[in-house]
Every structure is written in C-alpha cells, then in structure tokens.
Protein backbone atom coordinates (compact mmCIF):
# COMPACT_ATOMS: atom_id res chain seq x y z
CA MET A 1 13.67 19.33 0.27
CA GLU A 2 16.65 20.90 2.01
CA PHE A 3 16.63 22.39 5.51
CA GLN A 4 19.14 23.19 8.22
CA SER A 5 17.03 22.20 11.20
CA PRO A 6 13.68 20.39 11.64
CA GLN A 7 12.57 23.23 13.93
CA ASP A 8 12.47 25.51 10.89
CA VAL A 9 10.13 23.20 8.92
CA THR A 10 6.34 23.21 9.17
CA VAL A 11 4.90 19.88 8.10
CA ALA A 12 1.17 19.37 7.51
CA VAL A 13 0.34 15.75 8.32
CA LEU A 14 -2.72 14.88 6.23
CA MET A 15 -4.87 12.05 7.55
CA GLY A 16 -8.44 10.78 7.64
CA GLY A 17 -10.17 11.59 4.39
CA TRP A 18 -13.33 9.83 3.22
CA SER A 19 -12.15 6.48 1.87
CA LYS A 20 -12.94 3.05 3.32
CA GLU A 21 -9.50 3.20 4.92
CA ARG A 22 -10.17 6.33 6.96
CA SER A 23 -9.59 4.56 10.30
CA VAL A 24 -6.21 3.25 9.13
CA SER A 25 -5.23 6.72 7.91
CA LEU A 26 -6.13 8.28 11.26
CA SER A 27 -3.84 5.80 13.01
CA SER A 28 -1.04 6.38 10.48
CA GLY A 29 -1.41 10.15 10.80
CA GLU A 30 -1.28 10.16 14.58
CA GLY A 31 1.82 7.94 14.59
CA CYS A 32 3.64 10.03 12.00
CA PHE A 33 2.66 13.29 13.74
CA GLU A 34 4.12 12.10 17.06
CA ALA A 35 7.30 10.88 15.37
CA LEU A 36 7.75 14.16 13.48
CA ARG A 37 7.26 16.17 16.66
CA LYS A 38 9.84 14.00 18.45
CA ALA A 39 12.22 14.58 15.54
CA GLY A 40 11.85 18.33 16.09
CA PHE A 41 9.54 19.35 13.24
CA ASN A 42 6.72 21.85 13.61
CA ALA A 43 4.11 19.23 12.69
CA ILE A 44 0.40 20.07 12.34
CA LEU A 45 -2.33 17.45 12.10
CA VAL A 46 -4.98 17.97 9.41
CA ASP A 47 -8.08 15.75 9.26
CA VAL A 48 -8.83 16.09 5.56
CA LYS A 49 -12.31 17.23 4.48
CA ARG A 50 -13.23 17.33 0.81
CA GLU A 51 -14.79 20.82 1.02
CA THR A 52 -11.94 22.57 2.81
CA ILE A 53 -8.59 20.84 2.20
CA ALA A 54 -7.46 23.18 -0.60
CA SER A 55 -8.22 26.34 1.38
CA VAL A 56 -6.68 24.90 4.56
CA LEU A 57 -3.41 24.21 2.75
CA LEU A 58 -3.45 27.60 1.03
CA ASP A 59 -3.94 29.36 4.35
CA MET A 60 -1.37 27.24 6.17
CA ARG A 61 1.25 27.20 3.40
CA PRO A 62 3.34 24.45 5.04
CA ASP A 63 6.89 23.80 3.96
CA ALA A 64 5.96 20.18 3.25
CA ILE A 65 2.99 17.83 3.25
CA PHE A 66 3.29 14.44 4.88
CA ASN A 67 0.64 12.42 3.10
CA ALA A 68 -0.72 9.86 5.60
CA LEU A 69 -3.94 9.32 3.64
CA HIS A 70 -4.93 5.85 2.45
CA GLY A 71 -7.37 4.56 -0.14
CA THR A 72 -9.38 6.39 -2.77
CA TRP A 73 -8.36 10.01 -3.39
CA GLY A 74 -5.60 9.84 -0.76
CA GLU A 75 -3.21 7.53 -2.60
CA ASP A 76 -4.58 7.17 -6.13
CA GLY A 77 -2.92 10.31 -7.49
CA CYS A 78 -5.79 12.72 -6.82
CA ALA A 79 -4.31 14.17 -3.63
CA ALA A 80 -0.89 14.36 -5.26
CA ALA A 81 -2.42 16.36 -8.12
CA LEU A 82 -3.76 18.89 -5.60
CA PHE A 83 -0.34 19.20 -3.96
CA GLU A 84 1.27 19.70 -7.36
CA THR A 85 -1.29 22.37 -8.23
CA LEU A 86 -0.59 24.20 -4.97
CA ASN A 87 3.17 23.74 -5.53
CA ILE A 88 3.78 22.34 -2.03
CA PRO A 89 6.43 19.63 -1.61
CA TYR A 90 4.91 16.31 -0.52
CA THR A 91 5.94 12.80 0.46
CA HIS A 92 5.37 9.50 -1.35
CA SER A 93 4.80 8.95 -5.07
CA GLY A 94 3.59 11.44 -7.65
CA VAL A 95 0.38 11.56 -9.66
CA LEU A 96 1.06 8.99 -12.36
CA ALA A 97 2.84 6.38 -10.22
CA SER A 98 0.13 6.63 -7.55
CA ALA A 99 -2.70 6.23 -10.07
CA LEU A 100 -1.05 3.26 -11.78
CA ALA A 101 -0.23 1.50 -8.52
CA MET A 102 -3.78 1.90 -7.22
CA HIS A 103 -5.25 0.19 -10.28
CA LYS A 104 -4.15 -3.42 -9.90
CA GLU A 105 -4.78 -4.45 -13.50
CA LYS A 106 -2.98 -1.47 -15.04
CA SER A 107 0.03 -1.91 -12.77
CA LYS A 108 0.15 -5.63 -13.58
CA ALA A 109 0.54 -4.83 -17.27
CA ILE A 110 3.64 -2.76 -16.45
CA PHE A 111 5.01 -5.45 -14.12
CA ARG A 112 4.67 -8.07 -16.85
CA GLU A 113 6.60 -5.85 -19.26
CA ALA A 114 9.31 -5.50 -16.60
CA GLY A 115 9.59 -9.29 -16.29
CA ILE A 116 7.97 -9.53 -12.86
CA PRO A 117 5.73 -12.61 -12.37
CA VAL A 118 2.09 -11.77 -11.55
CA ALA A 119 -1.04 -13.91 -11.13
CA GLU A 120 -3.49 -14.40 -13.98
CA SER A 121 -6.47 -12.09 -13.52
CA LYS A 122 -9.27 -10.28 -15.31
CA LEU A 123 -11.96 -7.68 -14.74
CA VAL A 124 -15.52 -9.05 -14.68
CA ASP A 125 -18.94 -7.42 -14.39
CA ILE A 126 -20.10 -7.86 -10.81
CA GLU A 127 -23.36 -9.51 -11.92
CA ASP A 128 -21.44 -12.07 -14.01
CA ALA A 129 -19.07 -12.90 -11.15
CA ALA A 130 -22.08 -13.45 -8.87
CA ALA A 131 -23.87 -15.66 -11.41
CA LYS A 132 -21.11 -18.08 -12.43
CA HIS A 133 -17.49 -18.90 -11.70
CA PRO A 134 -15.43 -16.49 -13.84
CA MET A 135 -12.35 -18.75 -13.77
CA ALA A 136 -11.28 -22.16 -12.53
CA LEU A 137 -11.32 -22.67 -8.75
CA PRO A 138 -9.73 -21.54 -6.54
CA TYR A 139 -9.73 -17.81 -7.22
CA VAL A 140 -9.79 -14.49 -5.37
CA ILE A 141 -12.27 -11.65 -5.84
CA LYS A 142 -11.06 -8.17 -4.91
CA PRO A 143 -11.68 -4.52 -5.79
CA VAL A 144 -9.47 -3.40 -8.65
CA ALA A 145 -8.56 -0.14 -6.89
CA ASP A 146 -8.59 -0.45 -3.10
CA GLY A 147 -6.23 -1.57 -0.37
CA SER A 148 -6.05 -3.03 3.14
CA SER A 149 -7.76 -6.23 1.91
CA VAL A 150 -11.07 -4.36 1.74
CA GLY A 151 -13.68 -6.58 0.05
CA VAL A 152 -11.37 -9.54 -0.60
CA HIS A 153 -13.05 -12.96 -1.00
CA ILE A 154 -11.41 -16.34 -1.57
CA VAL A 155 -13.61 -18.76 -3.53
CA ASP A 156 -12.13 -22.26 -3.09
CA ARG A 157 -12.99 -25.79 -4.10
CA THR A 158 -15.34 -26.21 -1.14
CA SER A 159 -17.61 -23.53 -2.56
CA ASN A 160 -21.10 -24.66 -3.56
CA GLY A 161 -21.19 -22.08 -6.32
CA PRO A 162 -20.22 -18.53 -7.25
CA LEU A 163 -20.41 -15.75 -4.68
CA ALA A 164 -24.06 -14.76 -5.23
CA SER A 165 -23.97 -12.14 -2.45
CA LEU A 166 -21.37 -10.15 -4.38
CA VAL A 167 -23.98 -7.80 -5.84
CA ASP A 168 -24.80 -6.65 -2.30
CA GLU A 169 -21.25 -5.26 -2.07
CA ARG A 170 -21.45 -3.01 -5.11
CA HIS A 171 -20.69 -0.06 -2.81
CA ILE A 172 -17.25 -1.63 -2.28
CA PHE A 173 -16.48 -2.92 -5.77
CA GLY A 174 -18.40 -0.71 -8.17
CA ASP A 175 -19.62 -2.31 -11.41
CA LYS A 176 -16.61 -4.56 -11.96
CA VAL A 177 -14.57 -6.89 -9.77
CA MET A 178 -11.06 -8.19 -10.22
CA VAL A 179 -10.84 -11.99 -10.36
CA GLU A 180 -7.38 -13.44 -9.78
CA ARG A 181 -5.91 -16.94 -9.60
CA PHE A 182 -5.46 -17.94 -5.97
CA ILE A 183 -1.81 -18.53 -5.06
CA PRO A 184 -1.41 -20.88 -2.06
CA GLY A 185 1.50 -20.65 0.33
CA ARG A 186 3.07 -17.81 2.28
CA GLU A 187 2.46 -14.09 2.42
CA LEU A 188 5.67 -12.10 1.94
CA THR A 189 6.26 -8.37 1.77
CA CYS A 190 9.22 -6.12 1.00
CA ALA A 191 9.51 -2.35 1.25
CA VAL A 192 11.63 -0.02 -0.86
CA MET A 193 13.07 3.15 0.67
CA GLY A 194 14.35 5.46 -2.03
CA ASP A 195 16.38 3.14 -4.21
CA VAL A 196 17.07 0.45 -1.61
CA ALA A 197 15.04 -2.71 -1.04
CA LEU A 198 14.69 -3.40 2.68
CA GLY A 199 14.23 -6.76 4.40
CA VAL A 200 11.55 -9.34 3.59
CA ILE A 201 8.83 -10.19 6.11
CA ASP A 202 6.97 -13.48 6.24
CA ILE A 203 3.46 -12.65 7.47
CA VAL A 204 1.66 -15.36 9.43
CA PRO A 205 -1.98 -14.28 9.99
CA MET A 206 -3.51 -15.68 13.15
CA GLY A 207 -6.85 -16.24 11.40
CA GLY A 208 -5.56 -18.07 8.34
CA PHE A 209 -6.15 -15.15 5.93
CA TYR A 210 -4.37 -11.81 5.96
CA ASP A 211 -7.54 -9.70 6.12
CA PHE A 212 -8.22 -6.21 7.50
CA ASP A 213 -8.12 -7.33 11.17
CA SER A 214 -4.95 -9.35 10.64
CA LYS A 215 -3.30 -6.20 9.29
CA TYR A 216 -4.42 -3.63 11.82
CA VAL A 217 -5.49 -5.33 15.06
CA ALA A 218 -2.65 -5.91 17.53
CA GLY A 219 -1.82 -9.62 17.56
CA GLY A 220 -3.69 -10.21 14.29
CA SER A 221 -0.57 -11.57 12.60
CA GLN A 222 2.98 -12.61 13.31
CA HIS A 223 5.78 -10.90 11.40
CA ILE A 224 8.92 -12.95 10.82
CA LEU A 225 11.82 -10.66 9.88
CA PRO A 226 13.99 -11.68 8.18
CA ALA A 227 11.69 -14.16 6.48
CA GLU A 228 12.83 -17.75 6.86
CA ILE A 229 12.70 -18.61 3.17
CA PRO A 230 15.29 -19.85 0.67
CA ASN A 231 17.99 -17.26 -0.01
CA ASP A 232 17.19 -17.08 -3.72
CA ILE A 233 13.51 -16.33 -2.99
CA TYR A 234 14.52 -13.67 -0.45
CA ARG A 235 16.73 -11.99 -3.04
CA LYS A 236 14.02 -12.25 -5.71
CA CYS A 237 11.55 -10.48 -3.41
CA GLN A 238 13.99 -7.61 -3.00
CA LYS A 239 14.80 -7.57 -6.72
CA TYR A 240 11.14 -7.54 -7.81
CA ALA A 241 10.13 -4.96 -5.18
CA LEU A 242 12.80 -2.53 -6.38
CA LEU A 243 12.02 -3.28 -10.03
CA ALA A 244 8.28 -2.66 -9.49
CA HIS A 245 9.03 0.59 -7.63
CA GLN A 246 11.20 1.79 -10.50
CA ALA A 247 8.93 0.53 -13.30
CA LEU A 248 6.01 2.63 -12.04
CA GLY A 249 8.22 5.61 -11.20
CA CYS A 250 7.47 5.49 -7.47
CA ARG A 251 9.11 7.87 -5.01
CA GLY A 252 9.77 7.80 -1.29
CA ILE A 253 8.73 4.55 0.30
CA SER A 254 6.65 1.74 -1.20
CA ARG A 255 5.83 -1.84 -0.25
CA CYS A 256 5.28 -4.87 -2.47
CA ASP A 257 3.17 -7.84 -1.42
CA PHE A 258 3.97 -11.33 -2.69
CA ARG A 259 2.69 -14.88 -2.45
CA PHE A 260 5.26 -17.67 -2.30
CA ASP A 261 3.85 -21.08 -3.14
CA ASP A 262 6.20 -23.43 -1.30
CA THR A 263 3.91 -26.42 -1.88
CA ILE A 264 5.46 -27.12 -5.29
CA GLU A 265 9.01 -28.02 -6.28
CA LYS A 266 11.26 -24.94 -6.53
CA GLY A 267 8.30 -22.81 -5.42
CA GLU A 268 6.50 -19.99 -7.21
CA LEU A 269 6.93 -16.33 -6.27
CA ILE A 270 4.18 -13.99 -7.46
CA LEU A 271 3.90 -10.21 -7.02
CA LEU A 272 0.34 -9.35 -5.95
CA GLU A 273 0.51 -5.55 -5.83
CA ILE A 274 2.51 -2.50 -4.85
CA ASN A 275 1.41 -0.02 -2.19
CA THR A 276 2.75 3.51 -2.70
CA GLN A 277 1.55 4.64 0.73
CA PRO A 278 2.11 1.72 3.07
CA GLY A 279 0.57 1.94 6.50
CA MET A 280 2.44 3.80 9.24
CA THR A 281 0.45 2.42 12.19
CA PRO A 282 1.89 0.72 15.30
CA THR A 283 1.43 -2.68 13.59
CA SER A 284 2.55 -1.61 10.12
CA LEU A 285 5.15 -3.43 8.08
CA ALA A 286 7.19 -0.69 6.38
CA PRO A 287 8.35 0.96 9.64
CA GLU A 288 9.25 -2.50 10.95
CA MET A 289 11.41 -3.19 7.89
CA ALA A 290 13.02 0.25 8.15
CA LYS A 291 13.84 -0.38 11.83
CA HIS A 292 15.42 -3.71 10.91
CA ALA A 293 17.63 -1.79 8.46
CA GLY A 294 18.73 0.58 11.23
CA HIS A 295 16.24 3.45 10.78
CA SER A 296 14.18 4.47 13.80
CA PHE A 297 10.62 5.67 13.20
CA GLU A 298 11.81 9.27 13.74
CA ASP A 299 14.66 8.72 11.27
CA LEU A 300 12.21 7.28 8.73
CA VAL A 301 9.73 10.17 8.82
CA THR A 302 12.62 12.68 8.78
CA TRP A 303 13.99 11.02 5.64
CA MET A 304 10.53 11.13 4.06
CA VAL A 305 10.24 14.89 4.67
CA LYS A 306 13.72 15.42 3.25
CA ASP A 307 12.66 13.41 0.21
CA ALA A 308 9.51 15.53 -0.28
CA SER A 309 9.24 17.55 -3.49
CA VAL A 310 6.94 18.63 -6.32
CA ASN A 311 7.11 17.37 -9.91
CA ARG A 312 7.29 13.81 -8.58
C-alpha cells in the first residue's frame, strides 16, 4: 500500500488467537506493535477473539492489518480469507499460499515438482503409528499442520518400540500424524523478504533438539549468522528458500527450515518446511536475518506494511 507518512496510517496488529501458538503470537504482536509505533504508525493492538474479530475490524476499519497470528486459523489461510472478504490490506501471504504452506504434505508435493529436495514422509492413522513403526528407524512424528515444533517426536534406534503414548496426544495431532525420515546433522534456516533471500542461520539448540523452548526461551539456542557451512550449501539454502517462496506464491516475508546432513560425503540438504508467518519475537530468526541484511526491526515492519494488500 502507498502512503506519504506513517502517521497517516492506522495499523491493526492482530495477535493472540486460539491456536496452540497463542503465547508466541502474543510476543510477536507486542514486538511488532512497539516497532510500528516507533516507526511512527498509528498502531492498535487487537487480541483476536473468534466471536468478535470481524465486527472489531469492521468498526475500526484500519488502513492495514499486520497479521501477527500464528498457528491454526491465524496462518493457514483462514484469517487471510476474512481480510480479503473485508477488503482490508494485510501483511504476509494470501489464502492459497498460506493454506498450502501450513499443510506439510501438500506443500512437499509442490516442492518436489519445483526440484527442491524434501524428506520422505507419509500420513498415518494415529492408532497405527502408536501400534507399530510406520517406517524404518529413525523417523520423526509431527502434526501435518502446525508449527513451532508443537508435538514433534523423534523415534530413534534406541527406542524399545513405537510411540504407544501417541494416542494420548490426539488433541494435538488429530486422527492422522505425519511420519518423516529423520535427517541427522545441522538445523539451517533462511528467510525471504519480497523476492530476496536473506542470510542463512545455523541453529545450535542448547538441549540437542530444536523444540519449542529452544525456539522461544532466551538462551535456548545459539544462532550462527552467517552459517559456517560450505559456500555451495549456503547458496543452495538461499536458492531453495526463494524457489519455495515463489512456488507456493508466498508474499511478504517467509522462512524456510532445512536439515543439512554433514555426516556423509558431500552432505545432504533437505527442505523441511516453509513458514509464511515466521515469529517476530525477541528471539526470532527472521528479524535477525533482516538486521544482518541492513534492515532494522522498524524498517522491517514498515516494509511489511508497505507490502500489505488484498488479492494476495
């Protein structure tokens, strides 16, 4: 969207919601709100409630929506559909790209067609995954449509059997789980801002696995930027991140997560997933990559508001 001065622009910062990632969204929303205010925008915080969000936006009629929601409804295309219906410009990806990115199996099919390497995986009934190993060890069990490492389990060769307790987590997974070949090695991530791939971060979790606490608790992980990896792998991360962003039709900022198996000759780089609404918390990766590229947090959120539109 075009504007002469941030002071003339009212931005509704949507946060909270009712997904499992509500706490992360609240932190993202607060951070973005403060940055927008510092940049001069008339920013208004909105803690999203299912029953009232449409009427709140209709009454407020902001010039733009800064979508700081995470998880189900917030970043799976449902919220974007509401913004499109109300004809209010909004940040991040549109309905289709958001929905595809949120569903890991559907997005993988598109990545394969685009020539991006992904890990072998399949959807399995939760009861079957709890009763017997659905693929050769080691493998990972994760929700097919959730983020922030919610519900992720690694089943390795030390396991005495399948994860029998899985059925107790149906509230997280639903009726089916995603089972994916475990890729050893390093956790890499690369953000895309518009049509530019930013730097690559090597994430070193302090607890050995990049779980929820490693992502969002201060000191939970070490971020090495730029990643100290072979130059060709660094460039491939950037290439695949931009290609994935474009293949799904993403807009604004996105972030791709990779595994780099450096335990084998030449190494293996695998795209795990794309996040169309990467975290914007004090420990988040996308703002760190943007800063490394010369964009302050205020510059980043200003660019995101300028990029806001409908028909995304």
